[in-house]
Amino acid sequence: MQITQQQLAACIGNNPYLEHWCGALNKILPDYEIDTPQRVAAFVAQAAHESANFTALHENLNYRAESLCKVWPKYFNTSNANDYAHNPERIANRAYANRMGNGDEASGDGYRYCGRGLIQLTGKSNYQAFADSIETPVEQIPEFLATFEGAIQSACWFWESNNLNQYADANDIVTMTKRINGGTLGLEDRKNITNTHCTYLELDVSQIGWILGFVPDTLFVWVYYILLTAGLGLYVVSKLVVWLPLIGQYKLPVELIGIVLLMTGAYFYGGHNIQQAWQARVAELESRVKVAQEQSQQVNTVIQEKIVTKVKVIKENVYVNREIIREVAGAQLDAVCTLPRSSVVLHDSASRNQVAERTAATDGTPSGVEAHRLLETVVENYGACHENAAKLKAWQDWYREQKSIFETVQR
């Protein structure tokens, strides 16, 4: 079976790469026997939840110190968490060391084989097994997982390896979720997406609907009315011929033919009504999706304009403050600065998210450090932080709006 972009959009929203995802799904899913409405719906639902609607293909490891202690208390505590905080590579190398086929922390395997793809393939053992299944060197897998086909194929391999098709056939979303997530995190969201996608897919794959789609409506109405009339007529005749000489012996065949024609007419009459109901439902969903896509595009435009305007104001403020430092306060700051040079090193290291040595104490005398340059950097870093905060706030607004639009399609 083939998935249309409208069907996929009804489940993952207005993803900017909808066409690419749809093409890759249609190409790869049949190879793993994910080829029924129930299986496709379950796969898309689980993958959508795990990847934030097909947008997050790399594990987010940018944790604060306190978060590290909560998420990985076995590997991080108050004595070492600050050394690893906001350093994804170091966090992965420690948290994933000496397990899942990875080497020790110094090997770099933890980050090299961290979670990637739609269903976060993690650990060297899993990377190697997946690489073997597609006959590709394991060194090429991290890059491959960042592609549309790689992200989907790795998720399909995980799906097949864990025999998840059988749970999809049984609509056992709880067990599927536990196999993928290790628990039941996001269970309701997974159920909602599965039900929405399954309903939408089944509208297009019914065999009766597919057959009837080739028959013109007017002709089909005439056909089933003729069948019903002929069947009823023959059935009535079969009850009358019993009193007619020589013809009475044909009572049973005539009666059977009449019953068969009646049943056939009733079957196609019901099928035609079902098809019309499906067509109406498809039209309704397509209308909802179209409206949702238009609303989503409007939200995108508004958010982008808001970000551009906000960033422009922040950059202008940074420029003004930097010029004031240069032209007005620069020479004065340099003359009275008592900061030791190690403070500058500390600041530069912190701005690069690195750990530096402790600064030396100042004795209160001018040190020759160009304080105005340091202050300029502080202003620029503050501007960058403010810019990122503004973007984050805008994208949070975007997510809320898109979620609200998506929910209107599900209802």
Protein backbone atom coordinates (compact mmCIF):
# COMPACT_ATOMS: atom_id res chain seq x y z
CA MET A 1 0.00 0.00 0.00
CA GLN A 2 1.08 3.56 -0.68
CA ILE A 3 0.89 6.47 1.77
CA THR A 4 -0.15 9.86 0.42
CA GLN A 5 1.24 13.15 1.63
CA GLN A 6 -2.20 14.12 2.90
CA GLN A 7 -2.43 10.95 4.98
CA LEU A 8 1.02 11.55 6.46
CA ALA A 9 0.27 15.24 7.10
CA ALA A 10 -2.84 14.23 9.08
CA CYS A 11 -0.51 12.45 11.51
CA ILE A 12 2.74 14.45 11.67
CA GLY A 13 1.49 17.91 10.79
CA ASN A 14 3.00 20.32 8.29
CA ASN A 15 6.52 18.89 8.26
CA PRO A 16 8.67 20.90 5.78
CA TYR A 17 10.06 17.67 4.31
CA LEU A 18 6.71 15.87 3.99
CA GLU A 19 7.31 14.89 0.34
CA HIS A 20 10.72 13.35 1.13
CA TRP A 21 9.44 11.44 4.15
CA CYS A 22 6.44 10.13 2.22
CA GLY A 23 8.62 8.92 -0.66
CA ALA A 24 11.08 7.19 1.68
CA LEU A 25 8.29 5.50 3.66
CA ASN A 26 6.66 4.14 0.52
CA LYS A 27 10.01 2.85 -0.71
CA ILE A 28 11.21 1.15 2.49
CA LEU A 29 8.21 0.00 4.57
CA PRO A 30 7.18 -2.86 2.21
CA ASP A 31 10.69 -4.38 2.51
CA TYR A 32 9.97 -4.97 6.21
CA GLU A 33 6.36 -6.15 5.67
CA ILE A 34 4.96 -2.97 7.20
CA ASP A 35 2.26 -3.04 4.56
CA THR A 36 -1.19 -3.00 6.19
CA PRO A 37 -3.12 -0.02 7.59
CA GLN A 38 -2.63 -1.28 11.16
CA ARG A 39 1.11 -1.80 10.75
CA VAL A 40 1.76 1.46 8.91
CA ALA A 41 -0.34 3.42 11.41
CA ALA A 42 1.48 1.88 14.37
CA PHE A 43 4.91 2.47 12.82
CA VAL A 44 4.19 6.11 11.94
CA ALA A 45 2.71 6.78 15.38
CA GLN A 46 5.68 5.36 17.28
CA ALA A 47 8.23 7.02 14.99
CA ALA A 48 6.37 10.34 15.14
CA HIS A 49 6.37 10.38 18.92
CA GLU A 50 10.02 9.34 19.21
CA SER A 51 11.18 11.96 16.67
CA ALA A 52 8.86 14.90 17.47
CA ASN A 53 6.86 14.35 14.28
CA PHE A 54 9.86 13.40 12.12
CA THR A 55 11.91 16.49 13.06
CA ALA A 56 14.44 15.21 15.65
CA LEU A 57 16.86 12.64 14.22
CA HIS A 58 19.67 13.06 16.77
CA GLU A 59 19.53 12.44 20.51
CA ASN A 60 19.44 15.68 22.52
CA LEU A 61 22.25 15.40 25.08
CA ASN A 62 22.56 19.05 26.07
CA TYR A 63 21.78 18.55 29.78
CA ARG A 64 22.22 20.86 32.74
CA ALA A 65 24.13 19.57 35.77
CA GLU A 66 21.01 18.97 37.87
CA SER A 67 19.31 17.17 34.96
CA LEU A 68 22.30 14.86 34.55
CA CYS A 69 21.98 13.80 38.18
CA LYS A 70 18.28 12.98 37.69
CA VAL A 71 18.52 11.24 34.31
CA TRP A 72 21.77 9.31 34.91
CA PRO A 73 22.35 9.17 38.67
CA LYS A 74 24.59 6.13 38.14
CA TYR A 75 27.10 8.15 36.13
CA PHE A 76 26.69 11.75 37.35
CA ASN A 77 26.50 13.32 40.79
CA THR A 78 27.03 16.70 42.40
CA SER A 79 30.81 16.25 42.36
CA ASN A 80 31.20 15.74 38.60
CA ALA A 81 27.99 16.93 36.89
CA ASN A 82 29.23 20.50 36.42
CA ASP A 83 32.26 19.21 34.50
CA TYR A 84 30.00 17.53 31.95
CA ALA A 85 27.00 19.91 31.82
CA HIS A 86 26.09 21.28 28.35
CA ASN A 87 28.78 19.18 26.68
CA PRO A 88 26.85 16.54 24.67
CA GLU A 89 29.94 14.67 23.48
CA ARG A 90 31.42 14.21 26.97
CA ILE A 91 27.99 13.33 28.41
CA ALA A 92 27.41 10.59 25.82
CA ASN A 93 30.91 9.20 26.16
CA ARG A 94 30.44 8.76 29.92
CA ALA A 95 26.79 7.71 30.03
CA TYR A 96 27.12 5.11 27.27
CA ALA A 97 30.63 3.84 28.09
CA ASN A 98 31.27 0.09 28.46
CA ARG A 99 27.76 -0.97 27.44
CA MET A 100 25.77 -1.68 24.28
CA GLY A 101 29.04 -2.72 22.64
CA ASN A 102 30.74 0.63 23.29
CA GLY A 103 34.29 1.03 24.54
CA ASP A 104 35.32 3.05 27.59
CA GLU A 105 34.77 6.77 28.00
CA ALA A 106 38.04 7.66 26.29
CA SER A 107 37.13 5.65 23.16
CA GLY A 108 34.51 8.19 22.09
CA ASP A 109 32.07 5.40 21.19
CA GLY A 110 29.34 6.83 23.41
CA TYR A 111 28.89 9.93 21.26
CA ARG A 112 29.88 8.22 18.01
CA TYR A 113 27.04 5.73 18.48
CA CYS A 114 24.52 7.88 20.35
CA GLY A 115 20.81 7.90 19.48
CA ARG A 116 20.11 8.65 15.81
CA GLY A 117 17.26 8.03 13.37
CA LEU A 118 13.49 8.03 13.88
CA ILE A 119 13.62 5.46 16.70
CA GLN A 120 16.98 6.56 18.17
CA LEU A 121 19.31 3.69 17.24
CA THR A 122 21.85 3.64 20.11
CA GLY A 123 25.07 1.75 20.91
CA LYS A 124 27.79 0.21 18.76
CA SER A 125 26.19 -3.25 18.90
CA ASN A 126 22.95 -1.95 17.39
CA TYR A 127 24.83 0.16 14.84
CA GLN A 128 26.89 -2.89 13.84
CA ALA A 129 23.84 -5.17 13.59
CA PHE A 130 22.00 -2.63 11.45
CA ALA A 131 25.11 -2.10 9.30
CA ASP A 132 25.37 -5.85 8.73
CA SER A 133 21.71 -6.07 7.74
CA ILE A 134 22.17 -3.52 4.94
CA GLU A 135 25.75 -4.60 4.10
CA THR A 136 27.30 -1.23 4.90
CA PRO A 137 30.46 -0.43 6.93
CA VAL A 138 29.50 0.61 10.45
CA GLU A 139 31.65 3.75 10.11
CA GLN A 140 29.20 5.06 7.51
CA ILE A 141 26.08 4.45 9.59
CA PRO A 142 26.08 7.70 11.69
CA GLU A 143 26.01 9.77 8.51
CA PHE A 144 23.45 7.47 6.86
CA LEU A 145 21.09 7.83 9.83
CA ALA A 146 20.89 11.57 9.19
CA THR A 147 19.23 10.94 5.79
CA PHE A 148 15.52 10.35 5.17
CA GLU A 149 16.04 6.77 4.02
CA GLY A 150 18.58 6.00 6.75
CA ALA A 151 16.35 7.32 9.52
CA ILE A 152 13.41 5.23 8.28
CA GLN A 153 15.38 2.09 7.44
CA SER A 154 17.04 1.98 10.87
CA ALA A 155 13.61 2.31 12.51
CA CYS A 156 12.26 -0.47 10.26
CA TRP A 157 15.22 -2.70 11.18
CA PHE A 158 14.53 -2.11 14.88
CA TRP A 159 10.83 -2.78 14.25
CA GLU A 160 11.56 -6.09 12.52
CA SER A 161 14.22 -7.14 15.04
CA ASN A 162 11.73 -6.71 17.87
CA ASN A 163 8.89 -8.40 15.96
CA LEU A 164 6.63 -5.38 16.39
CA ASN A 165 4.39 -6.25 13.44
CA GLN A 166 2.63 -8.87 15.56
CA TYR A 167 1.77 -6.25 18.19
CA ALA A 168 0.62 -3.83 15.50
CA ASP A 169 -1.72 -6.53 14.11
CA ALA A 170 -3.13 -7.03 17.60
CA ASN A 171 -3.33 -3.25 18.19
CA ASP A 172 -1.21 -3.81 21.31
CA ILE A 173 0.16 -0.27 21.57
CA VAL A 174 1.26 -0.72 25.18
CA THR A 175 3.66 -3.59 24.40
CA MET A 176 4.98 -1.79 21.31
CA THR A 177 5.69 1.30 23.40
CA LYS A 178 7.49 -0.72 26.07
CA ARG A 179 9.66 -2.45 23.44
CA ILE A 180 10.65 0.91 21.94
CA ASN A 181 10.73 3.22 24.95
CA GLY A 182 11.39 0.81 27.80
CA GLY A 183 8.26 2.13 29.53
CA THR A 184 4.97 3.78 28.59
CA LEU A 185 6.13 7.37 28.18
CA GLY A 186 3.83 9.26 25.79
CA LEU A 187 1.39 6.35 25.54
CA GLU A 188 -1.72 8.50 24.97
CA ASP A 189 -0.03 10.49 22.18
CA ARG A 190 1.04 7.25 20.50
CA LYS A 191 -2.52 5.89 20.74
CA ASN A 192 -4.04 9.06 19.29
CA ILE A 193 -1.69 9.13 16.30
CA THR A 194 -2.17 5.40 15.68
CA ASN A 195 -5.96 5.68 15.70
CA THR A 196 -5.98 8.77 13.47
CA HIS A 197 -3.58 7.30 10.95
CA CYS A 198 -5.22 3.88 10.90
CA THR A 199 -8.66 5.39 10.32
CA TYR A 200 -7.37 7.60 7.52
CA LEU A 201 -5.48 4.75 5.84
CA GLU A 202 -8.35 2.29 6.01
CA LEU A 203 -10.55 4.70 4.07
CA ASP A 204 -8.35 4.15 1.04
CA VAL A 205 -7.44 0.47 1.21
CA SER A 206 -10.81 -1.30 1.48
CA GLN A 207 -11.06 -3.88 -1.27
CA ILE A 208 -14.76 -3.22 -1.81
CA GLY A 209 -14.15 0.51 -2.14
CA TRP A 210 -11.29 -0.14 -4.53
CA ILE A 211 -13.40 -2.37 -6.79
CA LEU A 212 -16.40 -0.06 -6.75
CA GLY A 213 -14.20 2.88 -7.61
CA PHE A 214 -14.06 1.62 -11.21
CA VAL A 215 -17.84 1.49 -11.58
CA PRO A 216 -19.72 4.72 -12.53
CA ASP A 217 -22.25 5.65 -9.87
CA THR A 218 -25.30 5.71 -12.17
CA LEU A 219 -24.47 2.36 -13.78
CA PHE A 220 -23.82 0.79 -10.41
CA VAL A 221 -27.21 1.93 -9.05
CA TRP A 222 -28.95 0.36 -12.04
CA VAL A 223 -26.98 -2.87 -11.62
CA TYR A 224 -27.85 -3.49 -7.99
CA TYR A 225 -31.50 -2.49 -8.53
CA ILE A 226 -31.71 -5.00 -11.41
CA LEU A 227 -30.11 -7.67 -9.24
CA LEU A 228 -32.50 -6.99 -6.37
CA THR A 229 -35.54 -6.92 -8.67
CA ALA A 230 -34.52 -10.06 -10.56
CA GLY A 231 -33.73 -11.91 -7.34
CA LEU A 232 -37.02 -10.95 -5.73
CA GLY A 233 -38.92 -11.84 -8.90
CA LEU A 234 -37.35 -15.28 -9.21
CA TYR A 235 -37.95 -15.99 -5.54
CA VAL A 236 -41.66 -15.14 -5.89
CA VAL A 237 -41.90 -17.22 -9.10
CA SER A 238 -40.31 -20.18 -7.29
CA LYS A 239 -43.18 -20.10 -4.81
CA LEU A 240 -45.82 -20.03 -7.59
CA VAL A 241 -44.47 -22.68 -9.99
CA VAL A 242 -45.19 -25.43 -7.49
CA TRP A 243 -48.81 -25.43 -8.76
CA LEU A 244 -47.86 -25.50 -12.45
CA PRO A 245 -47.49 -28.89 -14.14
CA LEU A 246 -44.09 -29.80 -15.59
CA ILE A 247 -42.55 -26.54 -14.30
CA GLY A 248 -42.82 -27.31 -10.60
CA GLN A 249 -39.73 -29.49 -10.79
CA TYR A 250 -37.65 -26.31 -11.35
CA LYS A 251 -38.83 -24.71 -8.13
CA LEU A 252 -35.63 -25.32 -6.16
CA PRO A 253 -33.14 -24.06 -8.79
CA VAL A 254 -35.24 -20.94 -9.44
CA GLU A 255 -35.49 -20.28 -5.71
CA LEU A 256 -31.74 -20.69 -5.22
CA ILE A 257 -30.93 -18.40 -8.14
CA GLY A 258 -33.34 -15.80 -6.77
CA ILE A 259 -31.76 -15.94 -3.32
CA VAL A 260 -28.24 -15.61 -4.80
CA LEU A 261 -29.29 -12.60 -6.87
CA LEU A 262 -30.94 -11.00 -3.83
CA MET A 263 -27.84 -11.52 -1.71
CA THR A 264 -25.55 -10.21 -4.47
CA GLY A 265 -27.70 -7.12 -4.95
CA ALA A 266 -27.85 -6.49 -1.21
CA TYR A 267 -24.06 -6.96 -0.93
CA PHE A 268 -23.31 -4.41 -3.62
CA TYR A 269 -26.01 -2.06 -2.35
CA GLY A 270 -24.36 -2.09 1.07
CA GLY A 271 -20.91 -1.76 -0.50
CA HIS A 272 -22.02 1.26 -2.48
CA ASN A 273 -23.36 2.96 0.64
CA ILE A 274 -20.11 2.19 2.49
CA GLN A 275 -18.10 3.62 -0.38
CA GLN A 276 -20.15 6.82 -0.35
CA ALA A 277 -19.64 7.12 3.42
CA TRP A 278 -15.90 6.62 2.96
CA GLN A 279 -15.73 9.17 0.19
CA ALA A 280 -17.54 11.67 2.38
CA ARG A 281 -15.15 10.96 5.25
CA VAL A 282 -12.11 11.28 2.96
CA ALA A 283 -13.44 14.58 1.62
CA GLU A 284 -13.98 15.82 5.17
CA LEU A 285 -10.47 14.83 6.27
CA GLU A 286 -8.89 16.28 3.13
CA SER A 287 -10.76 19.52 3.77
CA ARG A 288 -9.50 19.58 7.37
CA VAL A 289 -5.94 18.86 6.29
CA LYS A 290 -6.07 21.60 3.65
CA VAL A 291 -7.36 24.15 6.17
CA ALA A 292 -4.76 22.99 8.71
CA GLN A 293 -1.95 23.33 6.17
CA GLU A 294 -3.05 26.87 5.32
CA GLN A 295 -3.25 27.79 9.00
CA SER A 296 0.10 26.15 9.65
CA GLN A 297 1.71 28.15 6.85
CA GLN A 298 0.25 31.36 8.26
CA VAL A 299 1.68 30.49 11.69
CA ASN A 300 5.08 29.81 10.10
CA THR A 301 5.05 33.19 8.41
CA VAL A 302 4.03 35.06 11.58
CA ILE A 303 6.65 33.29 13.74
CA GLN A 304 9.42 33.86 11.20
CA GLU A 305 8.56 37.55 10.95
CA LYS A 306 8.49 37.79 14.73
CA ILE A 307 11.92 36.16 15.00
CA VAL A 308 13.44 38.38 12.32
CA THR A 309 12.09 41.53 13.98
CA LYS A 310 13.21 40.50 17.47
CA VAL A 311 16.69 39.44 16.34
CA LYS A 312 17.11 42.69 14.43
CA VAL A 313 16.34 44.73 17.56
CA ILE A 314 18.75 42.64 19.66
CA LYS A 315 21.56 42.99 17.12
CA GLU A 316 21.02 46.74 16.93
CA ASN A 317 21.22 47.02 20.74
CA VAL A 318 24.41 44.95 20.80
CA TYR A 319 25.95 47.16 18.11
CA VAL A 320 25.04 50.36 19.97
CA ASN A 321 26.44 49.10 23.29
CA ARG A 322 29.61 47.86 21.64
CA GLU A 323 30.21 51.23 19.98
CA ILE A 324 29.69 53.03 23.30
CA ILE A 325 32.31 50.78 24.89
CA ARG A 326 34.74 51.41 22.06
CA GLU A 327 34.33 55.17 21.73
CA VAL A 328 33.52 56.32 25.23
CA ALA A 329 34.66 53.89 27.89
CA GLY A 330 37.39 51.89 26.15
CA ALA A 331 40.51 53.84 27.14
CA GLN A 332 39.28 54.50 30.67
CA LEU A 333 38.49 50.83 31.27
CA ASP A 334 41.87 49.67 30.02
CA ALA A 335 43.71 52.13 32.27
CA VAL A 336 42.05 51.04 35.51
CA CYS A 337 41.58 47.31 34.78
CA THR A 338 43.03 45.08 37.51
CA LEU A 339 41.77 41.74 36.18
CA PRO A 340 44.54 39.16 35.77
CA ARG A 341 44.91 37.64 32.30
CA SER A 342 43.75 34.30 33.66
CA SER A 343 40.28 35.86 34.10
CA VAL A 344 40.17 36.52 30.39
CA VAL A 345 41.13 32.90 29.74
CA LEU A 346 38.39 31.77 32.10
CA HIS A 347 35.80 33.91 30.33
CA ASP A 348 36.85 32.73 26.87
CA SER A 349 36.78 29.10 27.99
CA ALA A 350 33.33 29.51 29.50
CA SER A 351 32.01 31.09 26.28
CA ARG A 352 33.23 27.98 24.43
CA ASN A 353 31.62 25.68 27.02
CA GLN A 354 35.01 24.48 28.27
CA VAL A 355 36.46 24.12 31.74
CA ALA A 356 39.45 26.37 32.54
CA GLU A 357 41.87 26.57 35.43
CA ARG A 358 40.97 28.65 38.48
CA THR A 359 41.81 32.36 38.10
CA ALA A 360 44.59 33.99 40.03
CA ALA A 361 43.78 36.54 42.72
CA THR A 362 44.19 40.24 41.85
CA ASP A 363 46.41 42.54 43.87
CA GLY A 364 44.50 45.67 42.82
CA THR A 365 47.07 47.04 40.38
CA PRO A 366 46.43 47.60 36.63
CA SER A 367 47.24 44.45 34.71
CA GLY A 368 47.39 45.72 31.13
CA VAL A 369 44.43 43.60 30.03
CA GLU A 370 42.36 45.24 27.27
CA ALA A 371 39.20 45.40 29.34
CA HIS A 372 37.15 47.01 26.62
CA ARG A 373 37.65 43.98 24.38
CA LEU A 374 36.58 41.67 27.17
CA LEU A 375 33.50 43.80 27.79
CA GLU A 376 32.68 43.80 24.09
CA THR A 377 32.76 40.01 24.12
CA VAL A 378 30.49 39.97 27.16
CA VAL A 379 28.00 42.22 25.37
CA GLU A 380 28.13 40.05 22.25
CA ASN A 381 27.63 36.86 24.26
CA TYR A 382 24.73 38.45 26.12
CA GLY A 383 23.21 39.44 22.78
CA ALA A 384 23.63 35.89 21.48
CA CYS A 385 21.97 34.47 24.60
CA HIS A 386 19.14 36.97 24.33
CA GLU A 387 18.76 36.12 20.63
CA ASN A 388 18.60 32.39 21.35
CA ALA A 389 16.10 32.95 24.15
CA ALA A 390 13.90 34.98 21.80
CA LYS A 391 14.09 32.24 19.16
CA LEU A 392 13.27 29.57 21.74
CA LYS A 393 10.24 31.54 22.93
CA ALA A 394 9.08 31.99 19.33
CA TRP A 395 9.45 28.28 18.57
CA GLN A 396 7.56 27.40 21.75
CA ASP A 397 4.72 29.59 20.50
CA TRP A 398 5.03 27.88 17.10
CA TYR A 399 4.78 24.43 18.69
CA ARG A 400 1.65 25.36 20.66
CA GLU A 401 -0.02 26.80 17.57
CA GLN A 402 0.90 23.81 15.39
CA LYS A 403 -0.28 21.36 18.04
CA SER A 404 -3.61 23.15 18.26
CA ILE A 405 -3.98 23.03 14.46
CA PHE A 406 -3.02 19.34 14.36
CA GLU A 407 -5.62 18.51 17.01
CA THR A 408 -8.37 20.02 14.85
CA VAL A 409 -7.56 17.44 12.16
CA GLN A 410 -7.78 14.56 14.65
CA ARG A 411 -11.20 15.56 15.99
